[in-house]
Amino acid sequence: MVRSLLQRAGWDWLSANPGTLDTKNNMENSQETTRQLNAVEEPKHAALRYILDAWEEALFNGIDSDCVATAAIFAALSDMIATYGEEPVATMTERLPERIRSGEFTVIRTKQ
């Protein structure tokens, strides 16, 4: 149940089954799979652009990045809990420490 809720929310899209592939229609199915993944990815990318724009504006206006980060985490978790409930969100966040340690959220910044 938790997995299906989070998949519908787009949080676990890589494990969602975008369709089966057979040898006869491998190319067609591959293209359809790509279209389905792009349909899921595009709204996520657009949402991230909005968040990053707001983040940048807050920093420009003198708000400390730690305050923005804390507010963003609070807003995200509050919204997800309102939508899915506490237990599914708690289950999703149980994996955060290992994902953080594995570098999933690390952005390599190059200084010029």
PDB file of N, CA and C in Angstrom:
ATOM      1  N   MET A   1       0.811  -1.192   0.000  1.00  0.00           N
ATOM      2  CA  MET A   1       0.000   0.000   0.000  1.00  0.00           C
ATOM      3  C   MET A   1       0.851   1.252   0.000  1.00  0.00           C
ATOM      4  N   VAL A   2       1.859   1.310   0.856  1.00  0.00           N
ATOM      5  CA  VAL A   2       2.737   2.473   0.920  1.00  0.00           C
ATOM      6  C   VAL A   2       3.432   2.665  -0.414  1.00  0.00           C
ATOM      7  N   ARG A   3       3.941   1.564  -0.962  1.00  0.00           N
ATOM      8  CA  ARG A   3       4.651   1.646  -2.232  1.00  0.00           C
ATOM      9  C   ARG A   3       3.748   2.202  -3.330  1.00  0.00           C
ATOM     10  N   SER A   4       2.504   1.741  -3.412  1.00  0.00           N
ATOM     11  CA  SER A   4       1.606   2.227  -4.459  1.00  0.00           C
ATOM     12  C   SER A   4       1.253   3.693  -4.262  1.00  0.00           C
ATOM     13  N   LEU A   5       1.086   4.111  -3.024  1.00  0.00           N
ATOM     14  CA  LEU A   5       0.819   5.532  -2.763  1.00  0.00           C
ATOM     15  C   LEU A   5       1.980   6.393  -3.221  1.00  0.00           C
ATOM     16  N   LEU A   6       3.180   5.985  -2.881  1.00  0.00           N
ATOM     17  CA  LEU A   6       4.342   6.774  -3.251  1.00  0.00           C
ATOM     18  C   LEU A   6       4.606   6.710  -4.753  1.00  0.00           C
ATOM     19  N   GLN A   7       4.332   5.573  -5.375  1.00  0.00           N
ATOM     20  CA  GLN A   7       4.487   5.485  -6.828  1.00  0.00           C
ATOM     21  C   GLN A   7       3.514   6.419  -7.520  1.00  0.00           C
ATOM     22  N   ARG A   8       2.252   6.437  -7.055  1.00  0.00           N
ATOM     23  CA  ARG A   8       1.277   7.343  -7.654  1.00  0.00           C
ATOM     24  C   ARG A   8       1.695   8.785  -7.468  1.00  0.00           C
ATOM     25  N   ALA A   9       2.398   9.068  -6.405  1.00  0.00           N
ATOM     26  CA  ALA A   9       2.874  10.426  -6.161  1.00  0.00           C
ATOM     27  C   ALA A   9       4.113  10.734  -6.984  1.00  0.00           C
ATOM     28  N   GLY A  10       4.678   9.722  -7.634  1.00  0.00           N
ATOM     29  CA  GLY A  10       5.833   9.935  -8.472  1.00  0.00           C
ATOM     30  C   GLY A  10       7.155   9.833  -7.750  1.00  0.00           C
ATOM     31  N   TRP A  11       7.163   9.361  -6.516  1.00  0.00           N
ATOM     32  CA  TRP A  11       8.404   9.308  -5.746  1.00  0.00           C
ATOM     33  C   TRP A  11       9.244   8.097  -6.071  1.00  0.00           C
ATOM     34  N   ASP A  12       8.639   7.056  -6.587  1.00  0.00           N
ATOM     35  CA  ASP A  12       9.372   5.828  -6.847  1.00  0.00           C
ATOM     36  C   ASP A  12       9.177   5.443  -8.305  1.00  0.00           C
ATOM     37  N   TRP A  13       9.313   6.391  -9.196  1.00  0.00           N
ATOM     38  CA  TRP A  13       8.963   6.151 -10.588  1.00  0.00           C
ATOM     39  C   TRP A  13       9.859   5.139 -11.265  1.00  0.00           C
ATOM     40  N   LEU A  14      11.100   4.970 -10.816  1.00  0.00           N
ATOM     41  CA  LEU A  14      11.977   4.009 -11.470  1.00  0.00           C
ATOM     42  C   LEU A  14      11.501   2.576 -11.280  1.00  0.00           C
ATOM     43  N   SER A  15      10.839   2.307 -10.172  1.00  0.00           N
ATOM     44  CA  SER A  15      10.385   0.936  -9.954  1.00  0.00           C
ATOM     45  C   SER A  15       8.975   0.710 -10.480  1.00  0.00           C
ATOM     46  N   ALA A  16       8.319   1.771 -10.937  1.00  0.00           N
ATOM     47  CA  ALA A  16       6.994   1.598 -11.522  1.00  0.00           C
ATOM     48  C   ALA A  16       7.138   0.810 -12.819  1.00  0.00           C
ATOM     49  N   ASN A  17       6.194  -0.030 -13.109  1.00  0.00           N
ATOM     50  CA  ASN A  17       6.261  -0.851 -14.307  1.00  0.00           C
ATOM     51  C   ASN A  17       5.721  -0.065 -15.488  1.00  0.00           C
ATOM     52  N   PRO A  18       6.588   0.453 -16.369  1.00  0.00           N
ATOM     53  CA  PRO A  18       6.136   1.262 -17.482  1.00  0.00           C
ATOM     54  C   PRO A  18       5.627   0.436 -18.649  1.00  0.00           C
ATOM     55  N   GLY A  19       5.646  -0.843 -18.565  1.00  0.00           N
ATOM     56  CA  GLY A  19       5.180  -1.699 -19.646  1.00  0.00           C
ATOM     57  C   GLY A  19       6.153  -2.846 -19.822  1.00  0.00           C
ATOM     58  N   THR A  20       5.691  -3.888 -20.456  1.00  0.00           N
ATOM     59  CA  THR A  20       6.570  -5.029 -20.656  1.00  0.00           C
ATOM     60  C   THR A  20       7.162  -4.965 -22.048  1.00  0.00           C
ATOM     61  N   LEU A  21       8.323  -5.540 -22.186  1.00  0.00           N
ATOM     62  CA  LEU A  21       8.989  -5.567 -23.482  1.00  0.00           C
ATOM     63  C   LEU A  21       8.951  -6.988 -24.015  1.00  0.00           C
ATOM     64  N   ASP A  22       8.664  -7.125 -25.298  1.00  0.00           N
ATOM     65  CA  ASP A  22       8.800  -8.426 -25.925  1.00  0.00           C
ATOM     66  C   ASP A  22       9.786  -8.282 -27.073  1.00  0.00           C
ATOM     67  N   THR A  23      10.311  -9.389 -27.549  1.00  0.00           N
ATOM     68  CA  THR A  23      11.346  -9.327 -28.566  1.00  0.00           C
ATOM     69  C   THR A  23      10.823  -8.790 -29.884  1.00  0.00           C
ATOM     70  N   LYS A  24       9.580  -9.046 -30.230  1.00  0.00           N
ATOM     71  CA  LYS A  24       9.014  -8.607 -31.500  1.00  0.00           C
ATOM     72  C   LYS A  24       8.870  -7.093 -31.562  1.00  0.00           C
ATOM     73  N   ASN A  25       8.415  -6.487 -30.489  1.00  0.00           N
ATOM     74  CA  ASN A  25       8.164  -5.045 -30.496  1.00  0.00           C
ATOM     75  C   ASN A  25       9.111  -4.295 -29.566  1.00  0.00           C
ATOM     76  N   ASN A  26      10.321  -4.773 -29.475  1.00  0.00           N
ATOM     77  CA  ASN A  26      11.267  -4.203 -28.533  1.00  0.00           C
ATOM     78  C   ASN A  26      11.455  -2.703 -28.753  1.00  0.00           C
ATOM     79  N   MET A  27      11.637  -2.273 -29.990  1.00  0.00           N
ATOM     80  CA  MET A  27      11.881  -0.860 -30.277  1.00  0.00           C
ATOM     81  C   MET A  27      10.657  -0.019 -29.953  1.00  0.00           C
ATOM     82  N   GLU A  28       9.470  -0.476 -30.368  1.00  0.00           N
ATOM     83  CA  GLU A  28       8.242   0.262 -30.059  1.00  0.00           C
ATOM     84  C   GLU A  28       8.037   0.380 -28.562  1.00  0.00           C
ATOM     85  N   ASN A  29       8.211  -0.716 -27.865  1.00  0.00           N
ATOM     86  CA  ASN A  29       8.025  -0.705 -26.420  1.00  0.00           C
ATOM     87  C   ASN A  29       9.062   0.170 -25.731  1.00  0.00           C
ATOM     88  N   SER A  30      10.278   0.140 -26.232  1.00  0.00           N
ATOM     89  CA  SER A  30      11.337   0.974 -25.669  1.00  0.00           C
ATOM     90  C   SER A  30      10.990   2.451 -25.836  1.00  0.00           C
ATOM     91  N   GLN A  31      10.485   2.815 -26.995  1.00  0.00           N
ATOM     92  CA  GLN A  31      10.080   4.205 -27.226  1.00  0.00           C
ATOM     93  C   GLN A  31       8.900   4.578 -26.338  1.00  0.00           C
ATOM     94  N   GLU A  32       7.956   3.682 -26.171  1.00  0.00           N
ATOM     95  CA  GLU A  32       6.805   3.943 -25.304  1.00  0.00           C
ATOM     96  C   GLU A  32       7.256   4.091 -23.854  1.00  0.00           C
ATOM     97  N   THR A  33       8.182   3.239 -23.436  1.00  0.00           N
ATOM     98  CA  THR A  33       8.722   3.337 -22.083  1.00  0.00           C
ATOM     99  C   THR A  33       9.388   4.690 -21.887  1.00  0.00           C
ATOM    100  N   THR A  34      10.168   5.122 -22.865  1.00  0.00           N
ATOM    101  CA  THR A  34      10.827   6.432 -22.784  1.00  0.00           C
ATOM    102  C   THR A  34       9.800   7.541 -22.691  1.00  0.00           C
ATOM    103  N   ARG A  35       8.734   7.477 -23.488  1.00  0.00           N
ATOM    104  CA  ARG A  35       7.671   8.492 -23.434  1.00  0.00           C
ATOM    105  C   ARG A  35       7.014   8.513 -22.061  1.00  0.00           C
ATOM    106  N   GLN A  36       6.760   7.339 -21.511  1.00  0.00           N
ATOM    107  CA  GLN A  36       6.123   7.267 -20.191  1.00  0.00           C
ATOM    108  C   GLN A  36       7.034   7.836 -19.116  1.00  0.00           C
ATOM    109  N   LEU A  37       8.310   7.505 -19.162  1.00  0.00           N
ATOM    110  CA  LEU A  37       9.247   8.049 -18.179  1.00  0.00           C
ATOM    111  C   LEU A  37       9.372   9.559 -18.326  1.00  0.00           C
ATOM    112  N   ASN A  38       9.399  10.058 -19.569  1.00  0.00           N
ATOM    113  CA  ASN A  38       9.468  11.503 -19.788  1.00  0.00           C
ATOM    114  C   ASN A  38       8.213  12.194 -19.266  1.00  0.00           C
ATOM    115  N   ALA A  39       7.069  11.557 -19.414  1.00  0.00           N
ATOM    116  CA  ALA A  39       5.818  12.137 -18.916  1.00  0.00           C
ATOM    117  C   ALA A  39       5.848  12.260 -17.401  1.00  0.00           C
ATOM    118  N   VAL A  40       6.525  11.341 -16.740  1.00  0.00           N
ATOM    119  CA  VAL A  40       6.665  11.400 -15.289  1.00  0.00           C
ATOM    120  C   VAL A  40       7.753  12.402 -14.913  1.00  0.00           C
ATOM    121  N   GLU A  41       8.843  12.414 -15.663  1.00  0.00           N
ATOM    122  CA  GLU A  41       9.988  13.268 -15.350  1.00  0.00           C
ATOM    123  C   GLU A  41       9.687  14.751 -15.537  1.00  0.00           C
ATOM    124  N   GLU A  42       9.018  15.129 -16.594  1.00  0.00           N
ATOM    125  CA  GLU A  42       8.839  16.541 -16.910  1.00  0.00           C
ATOM    126  C   GLU A  42       8.161  17.334 -15.800  1.00  0.00           C
ATOM    127  N   PRO A  43       7.054  16.869 -15.230  1.00  0.00           N
ATOM    128  CA  PRO A  43       6.469  17.627 -14.115  1.00  0.00           C
ATOM    129  C   PRO A  43       7.414  17.726 -12.918  1.00  0.00           C
ATOM    130  N   LYS A  44       8.206  16.697 -12.675  1.00  0.00           N
ATOM    131  CA  LYS A  44       9.170  16.745 -11.577  1.00  0.00           C
ATOM    132  C   LYS A  44      10.231  17.802 -11.846  1.00  0.00           C
ATOM    133  N   HIS A  45      10.713  17.847 -13.077  1.00  0.00           N
ATOM    134  CA  HIS A  45      11.719  18.853 -13.427  1.00  0.00           C
ATOM    135  C   HIS A  45      11.140  20.258 -13.336  1.00  0.00           C
ATOM    136  N   ALA A  46       9.920  20.439 -13.796  1.00  0.00           N
ATOM    137  CA  ALA A  46       9.281  21.753 -13.703  1.00  0.00           C
ATOM    138  C   ALA A  46       9.114  22.162 -12.242  1.00  0.00           C
ATOM    139  N   ALA A  47       8.667  21.234 -11.406  1.00  0.00           N
ATOM    140  CA  ALA A  47       8.498  21.531  -9.980  1.00  0.00           C
ATOM    141  C   ALA A  47       9.832  21.908  -9.353  1.00  0.00           C
ATOM    142  N   LEU A  48      10.878  21.174  -9.688  1.00  0.00           N
ATOM    143  CA  LEU A  48      12.198  21.484  -9.143  1.00  0.00           C
ATOM    144  C   LEU A  48      12.661  22.861  -9.592  1.00  0.00           C
ATOM    145  N   ARG A  49      12.400  23.221 -10.835  1.00  0.00           N
ATOM    146  CA  ARG A  49      12.766  24.568 -11.312  1.00  0.00           C
ATOM    147  C   ARG A  49      12.063  25.635 -10.488  1.00  0.00           C
ATOM    148  N   TYR A  50      10.774  25.453 -10.208  1.00  0.00           N
ATOM    149  CA  TYR A  50      10.039  26.428  -9.378  1.00  0.00           C
ATOM    150  C   TYR A  50      10.663  26.547  -7.989  1.00  0.00           C
ATOM    151  N   ILE A  51      10.960  25.403  -7.382  1.00  0.00           N
ATOM    152  CA  ILE A  51      11.542  25.413  -6.039  1.00  0.00           C
ATOM    153  C   ILE A  51      12.906  26.107  -6.054  1.00  0.00           C
ATOM    154  N   LEU A  52      13.746  25.765  -7.014  1.00  0.00           N
ATOM    155  CA  LEU A  52      15.078  26.367  -7.076  1.00  0.00           C
ATOM    156  C   LEU A  52      15.012  27.866  -7.350  1.00  0.00           C
ATOM    157  N   ASP A  53      14.059  28.307  -8.167  1.00  0.00           N
ATOM    158  CA  ASP A  53      13.880  29.740  -8.411  1.00  0.00           C
ATOM    159  C   ASP A  53      13.484  30.460  -7.126  1.00  0.00           C
ATOM    160  N   ALA A  54      12.541  29.888  -6.382  1.00  0.00           N
ATOM    161  CA  ALA A  54      12.112  30.491  -5.118  1.00  0.00           C
ATOM    162  C   ALA A  54      13.265  30.501  -4.120  1.00  0.00           C
ATOM    163  N   TRP A  55      14.032  29.429  -4.090  1.00  0.00           N
ATOM    164  CA  TRP A  55      15.183  29.325  -3.194  1.00  0.00           C
ATOM    165  C   TRP A  55      16.181  30.445  -3.499  1.00  0.00           C
ATOM    166  N   GLU A  56      16.487  30.581  -4.785  1.00  0.00           N
ATOM    167  CA  GLU A  56      17.435  31.614  -5.213  1.00  0.00           C
ATOM    168  C   GLU A  56      16.941  33.015  -4.848  1.00  0.00           C
ATOM    169  N   GLU A  57      15.663  33.252  -5.032  1.00  0.00           N
ATOM    170  CA  GLU A  57      15.088  34.552  -4.683  1.00  0.00           C
ATOM    171  C   GLU A  57      15.189  34.808  -3.179  1.00  0.00           C
ATOM    172  N   ALA A  58      14.940  33.791  -2.380  1.00  0.00           N
ATOM    173  CA  ALA A  58      15.049  33.943  -0.924  1.00  0.00           C
ATOM    174  C   ALA A  58      16.483  34.285  -0.525  1.00  0.00           C
ATOM    175  N   LEU A  59      17.449  33.597  -1.113  1.00  0.00           N
ATOM    176  CA  LEU A  59      18.849  33.896  -0.815  1.00  0.00           C
ATOM    177  C   LEU A  59      19.215  35.310  -1.248  1.00  0.00           C
ATOM    178  N   PHE A  60      18.727  35.713  -2.404  1.00  0.00           N
ATOM    179  CA  PHE A  60      18.983  37.065  -2.915  1.00  0.00           C
ATOM    180  C   PHE A  60      18.435  38.112  -1.955  1.00  0.00           C
ATOM    181  N   ASN A  61      17.312  37.793  -1.315  1.00  0.00           N
ATOM    182  CA  ASN A  61      16.681  38.722  -0.372  1.00  0.00           C
ATOM    183  C   ASN A  61      17.254  38.610   1.037  1.00  0.00           C
ATOM    184  N   GLY A  62      18.339  37.865   1.198  1.00  0.00           N
ATOM    185  CA  GLY A  62      19.052  37.835   2.460  1.00  0.00           C
ATOM    186  C   GLY A  62      18.633  36.763   3.444  1.00  0.00           C
ATOM    187  N   ILE A  63      17.794  35.838   3.033  1.00  0.00           N
ATOM    188  CA  ILE A  63      17.393  34.752   3.936  1.00  0.00           C
ATOM    189  C   ILE A  63      18.485  33.689   3.913  1.00  0.00           C
ATOM    190  N   ASP A  64      18.904  33.257   5.085  1.00  0.00           N
ATOM    191  CA  ASP A  64      19.966  32.275   5.225  1.00  0.00           C
ATOM    192  C   ASP A  64      19.559  30.955   4.574  1.00  0.00           C
ATOM    193  N   SER A  65      20.494  30.310   3.901  1.00  0.00           N
ATOM    194  CA  SER A  65      20.185  29.064   3.185  1.00  0.00           C
ATOM    195  C   SER A  65      19.723  27.951   4.131  1.00  0.00           C
ATOM    196  N   ASP A  66      20.232  27.931   5.362  1.00  0.00           N
ATOM    197  CA  ASP A  66      19.758  26.927   6.326  1.00  0.00           C
ATOM    198  C   ASP A  66      18.285  27.124   6.658  1.00  0.00           C
ATOM    199  N   CYS A  67      17.855  28.381   6.757  1.00  0.00           N
ATOM    200  CA  CYS A  67      16.434  28.665   7.017  1.00  0.00           C
ATOM    201  C   CYS A  67      15.572  28.221   5.845  1.00  0.00           C
ATOM    202  N   VAL A  68      16.036  28.484   4.634  1.00  0.00           N
ATOM    203  CA  VAL A  68      15.287  28.085   3.442  1.00  0.00           C
ATOM    204  C   VAL A  68      15.205  26.561   3.377  1.00  0.00           C
ATOM    205  N   ALA A  69      16.317  25.895   3.660  1.00  0.00           N
ATOM    206  CA  ALA A  69      16.336  24.423   3.610  1.00  0.00           C
ATOM    207  C   ALA A  69      15.382  23.825   4.637  1.00  0.00           C
ATOM    208  N   THR A  70      15.426  24.332   5.855  1.00  0.00           N
ATOM    209  CA  THR A  70      14.544  23.824   6.904  1.00  0.00           C
ATOM    210  C   THR A  70      13.083  24.057   6.543  1.00  0.00           C
ATOM    211  N   ALA A  71      12.779  25.238   6.027  1.00  0.00           N
ATOM    212  CA  ALA A  71      11.402  25.545   5.626  1.00  0.00           C
ATOM    213  C   ALA A  71      10.950  24.644   4.476  1.00  0.00           C
ATOM    214  N   ALA A  72      11.842  24.373   3.532  1.00  0.00           N
ATOM    215  CA  ALA A  72      11.493  23.517   2.392  1.00  0.00           C
ATOM    216  C   ALA A  72      11.214  22.084   2.838  1.00  0.00           C
ATOM    217  N   ILE A  73      12.049  21.568   3.723  1.00  0.00           N
ATOM    218  CA  ILE A  73      11.832  20.204   4.236  1.00  0.00           C
ATOM    219  C   ILE A  73      10.519  20.138   5.004  1.00  0.00           C
ATOM    220  N   PHE A  74      10.279  21.137   5.853  1.00  0.00           N
ATOM    221  CA  PHE A  74       9.036  21.170   6.616  1.00  0.00           C
ATOM    222  C   PHE A  74       7.826  21.232   5.681  1.00  0.00           C
ATOM    223  N   ALA A  75       7.881  22.109   4.684  1.00  0.00           N
ATOM    224  CA  ALA A  75       6.759  22.254   3.752  1.00  0.00           C
ATOM    225  C   ALA A  75       6.512  20.959   2.984  1.00  0.00           C
ATOM    226  N   ALA A  76       7.590  20.325   2.534  1.00  0.00           N
ATOM    227  CA  ALA A  76       7.450  19.085   1.771  1.00  0.00           C
ATOM    228  C   ALA A  76       6.842  17.970   2.615  1.00  0.00           C
ATOM    229  N   LEU A  77       7.394  17.777   3.802  1.00  0.00           N
ATOM    230  CA  LEU A  77       6.882  16.704   4.655  1.00  0.00           C
ATOM    231  C   LEU A  77       5.456  16.975   5.111  1.00  0.00           C
ATOM    232  N   SER A  78       5.152  18.222   5.454  1.00  0.00           N
ATOM    233  CA  SER A  78       3.787  18.572   5.877  1.00  0.00           C
ATOM    234  C   SER A  78       2.777  18.292   4.770  1.00  0.00           C
ATOM    235  N   ASP A  79       3.139  18.665   3.551  1.00  0.00           N
ATOM    236  CA  ASP A  79       2.235  18.441   2.421  1.00  0.00           C
ATOM    237  C   ASP A  79       2.050  16.952   2.150  1.00  0.00           C
ATOM    238  N   MET A  80       3.133  16.200   2.186  1.00  0.00           N
ATOM    239  CA  MET A  80       3.025  14.761   1.946  1.00  0.00           C
ATOM    240  C   MET A  80       2.213  14.080   3.031  1.00  0.00           C
ATOM    241  N   ILE A  81       2.392  14.496   4.287  1.00  0.00           N
ATOM    242  CA  ILE A  81       1.619  13.906   5.381  1.00  0.00           C
ATOM    243  C   ILE A  81       0.147  14.240   5.225  1.00  0.00           C
ATOM    244  N   ALA A  82      -0.160  15.460   4.818  1.00  0.00           N
ATOM    245  CA  ALA A  82      -1.556  15.842   4.598  1.00  0.00           C
ATOM    246  C   ALA A  82      -2.186  14.999   3.483  1.00  0.00           C
ATOM    247  N   THR A  83      -1.378  14.636   2.494  1.00  0.00           N
ATOM    248  CA  THR A  83      -1.883  13.871   1.356  1.00  0.00           C
ATOM    249  C   THR A  83      -1.939  12.373   1.638  1.00  0.00           C
ATOM    250  N   TYR A  84      -0.865  11.815   2.214  1.00  0.00           N
ATOM    251  CA  TYR A  84      -0.738  10.360   2.344  1.00  0.00           C
ATOM    252  C   TYR A  84      -0.870   9.834   3.767  1.00  0.00           C
ATOM    253  N   GLY A  85      -0.705  10.699   4.749  1.00  0.00           N
ATOM    254  CA  GLY A  85      -0.739  10.264   6.136  1.00  0.00           C
ATOM    255  C   GLY A  85       0.666  10.087   6.684  1.00  0.00           C
ATOM    256  N   GLU A  86       0.737  10.005   7.990  1.00  0.00           N
ATOM    257  CA  GLU A  86       2.040   9.957   8.653  1.00  0.00           C
ATOM    258  C   GLU A  86       2.816   8.672   8.380  1.00  0.00           C
ATOM    259  N   GLU A  87       2.153   7.538   8.433  1.00  0.00           N
ATOM    260  CA  GLU A  87       2.877   6.269   8.302  1.00  0.00           C
ATOM    261  C   GLU A  87       3.521   6.085   6.928  1.00  0.00           C
ATOM    262  N   PRO A  88       2.826   6.335   5.813  1.00  0.00           N
ATOM    263  CA  PRO A  88       3.500   6.193   4.517  1.00  0.00           C
ATOM    264  C   PRO A  88       4.693   7.134   4.363  1.00  0.00           C
ATOM    265  N   VAL A  89       4.569   8.343   4.871  1.00  0.00           N
ATOM    266  CA  VAL A  89       5.684   9.292   4.770  1.00  0.00           C
ATOM    267  C   VAL A  89       6.831   8.852   5.673  1.00  0.00           C
ATOM    268  N   ALA A  90       6.511   8.365   6.864  1.00  0.00           N
ATOM    269  CA  ALA A  90       7.553   7.849   7.753  1.00  0.00           C
ATOM    270  C   ALA A  90       8.286   6.688   7.096  1.00  0.00           C
ATOM    271  N   THR A  91       7.554   5.816   6.433  1.00  0.00           N
ATOM    272  CA  THR A  91       8.166   4.687   5.741  1.00  0.00           C
ATOM    273  C   THR A  91       9.083   5.174   4.626  1.00  0.00           C
ATOM    274  N   MET A  92       8.634   6.150   3.861  1.00  0.00           N
ATOM    275  CA  MET A  92       9.451   6.689   2.778  1.00  0.00           C
ATOM    276  C   MET A  92      10.738   7.311   3.316  1.00  0.00           C
ATOM    277  N   THR A  93      10.639   8.022   4.425  1.00  0.00           N
ATOM    278  CA  THR A  93      11.813   8.732   4.941  1.00  0.00           C
ATOM    279  C   THR A  93      12.779   7.823   5.693  1.00  0.00           C
ATOM    280  N   GLU A  94      12.391   6.592   5.984  1.00  0.00           N
ATOM    281  CA  GLU A  94      13.292   5.662   6.663  1.00  0.00           C
ATOM    282  C   GLU A  94      14.569   5.414   5.869  1.00  0.00           C
ATOM    283  N   ARG A  95      14.484   5.507   4.553  1.00  0.00           N
ATOM    284  CA  ARG A  95      15.645   5.252   3.695  1.00  0.00           C
ATOM    285  C   ARG A  95      16.502   6.491   3.476  1.00  0.00           C
ATOM    286  N   LEU A  96      16.095   7.635   3.976  1.00  0.00           N
ATOM    287  CA  LEU A  96      16.859   8.861   3.726  1.00  0.00           C
ATOM    288  C   LEU A  96      18.308   8.793   4.196  1.00  0.00           C
ATOM    289  N   PRO A  97      18.592   8.280   5.396  1.00  0.00           N
ATOM    290  CA  PRO A  97      20.004   8.246   5.803  1.00  0.00           C
ATOM    291  C   PRO A  97      20.906   7.504   4.814  1.00  0.00           C
ATOM    292  N   GLU A  98      20.484   6.333   4.354  1.00  0.00           N
ATOM    293  CA  GLU A  98      21.335   5.585   3.411  1.00  0.00           C
ATOM    294  C   GLU A  98      21.415   6.294   2.067  1.00  0.00           C
ATOM    295  N   ARG A  99      20.331   6.935   1.629  1.00  0.00           N
ATOM    296  CA  ARG A  99      20.357   7.678   0.368  1.00  0.00           C
ATOM    297  C   ARG A  99      21.279   8.888   0.472  1.00  0.00           C
ATOM    298  N   ILE A 100      21.255   9.558   1.606  1.00  0.00           N
ATOM    299  CA  ILE A 100      22.138  10.701   1.821  1.00  0.00           C
ATOM    300  C   ILE A 100      23.586  10.241   1.831  1.00  0.00           C
ATOM    301  N   ARG A 101      23.865   9.181   2.598  1.00  0.00           N
ATOM    302  CA  ARG A 101      25.234   8.675   2.691  1.00  0.00           C
ATOM    303  C   ARG A 101      25.767   8.153   1.368  1.00  0.00           C
ATOM    304  N   SER A 102      24.885   7.659   0.511  1.00  0.00           N
ATOM    305  CA  SER A 102      25.330   7.149  -0.791  1.00  0.00           C
ATOM    306  C   SER A 102      25.533   8.267  -1.810  1.00  0.00           C
ATOM    307  N   GLY A 103      25.235   9.506  -1.409  1.00  0.00           N
ATOM    308  CA  GLY A 103      25.492  10.639  -2.292  1.00  0.00           C
ATOM    309  C   GLY A 103      24.362  11.014  -3.225  1.00  0.00           C
ATOM    310  N   GLU A 104      23.190  10.432  -3.024  1.00  0.00           N
ATOM    311  CA  GLU A 104      22.071  10.692  -3.934  1.00  0.00           C
ATOM    312  C   GLU A 104      21.687  12.176  -3.999  1.00  0.00           C
ATOM    313  N   PHE A 105      21.888  12.894  -2.906  1.00  0.00           N
ATOM    314  CA  PHE A 105      21.488  14.296  -2.860  1.00  0.00           C
ATOM    315  C   PHE A 105      22.678  15.249  -2.936  1.00  0.00           C
ATOM    316  N   THR A 106      23.874  14.710  -3.117  1.00  0.00           N
ATOM    317  CA  THR A 106      25.066  15.540  -3.182  1.00  0.00           C
ATOM    318  C   THR A 106      25.188  16.156  -4.567  1.00  0.00           C
ATOM    319  N   VAL A 107      25.312  17.457  -4.578  1.00  0.00           N
ATOM    320  CA  VAL A 107      25.500  18.176  -5.828  1.00  0.00           C
ATOM    321  C   VAL A 107      26.960  18.607  -5.871  1.00  0.00           C
ATOM    322  N   ILE A 108      27.656  18.167  -6.900  1.00  0.00           N
ATOM    323  CA  ILE A 108      29.062  18.539  -7.042  1.00  0.00           C
ATOM    324  C   ILE A 108      29.108  19.941  -7.612  1.00  0.00           C
ATOM    325  N   ARG A 109      29.701  20.818  -6.848  1.00  0.00           N
ATOM    326  CA  ARG A 109      29.776  22.218  -7.265  1.00  0.00           C
ATOM    327  C   ARG A 109      31.188  22.512  -7.706  1.00  0.00           C
ATOM    328  N   THR A 110      31.296  23.142  -8.859  1.00  0.00           N
ATOM    329  CA  THR A 110      32.605  23.564  -9.333  1.00  0.00           C
ATOM    330  C   THR A 110      32.698  25.074  -9.148  1.00  0.00           C
ATOM    331  N   LYS A 111      33.808  25.505  -8.600  1.00  0.00           N
ATOM    332  CA  LYS A 111      34.027  26.924  -8.404  1.00  0.00           C
ATOM    333  C   LYS A 111      34.842  27.456  -9.551  1.00  0.00           C
ATOM    334  N   GLN A 112      34.416  28.591 -10.051  1.00  0.00           N
ATOM    335  CA  GLN A 112      35.123  29.190 -11.184  1.00  0.00           C
ATOM    336  C   GLN A 112      35.906  30.394 -10.752  1.00  0.00           C
TER     337      GLN A 112
END
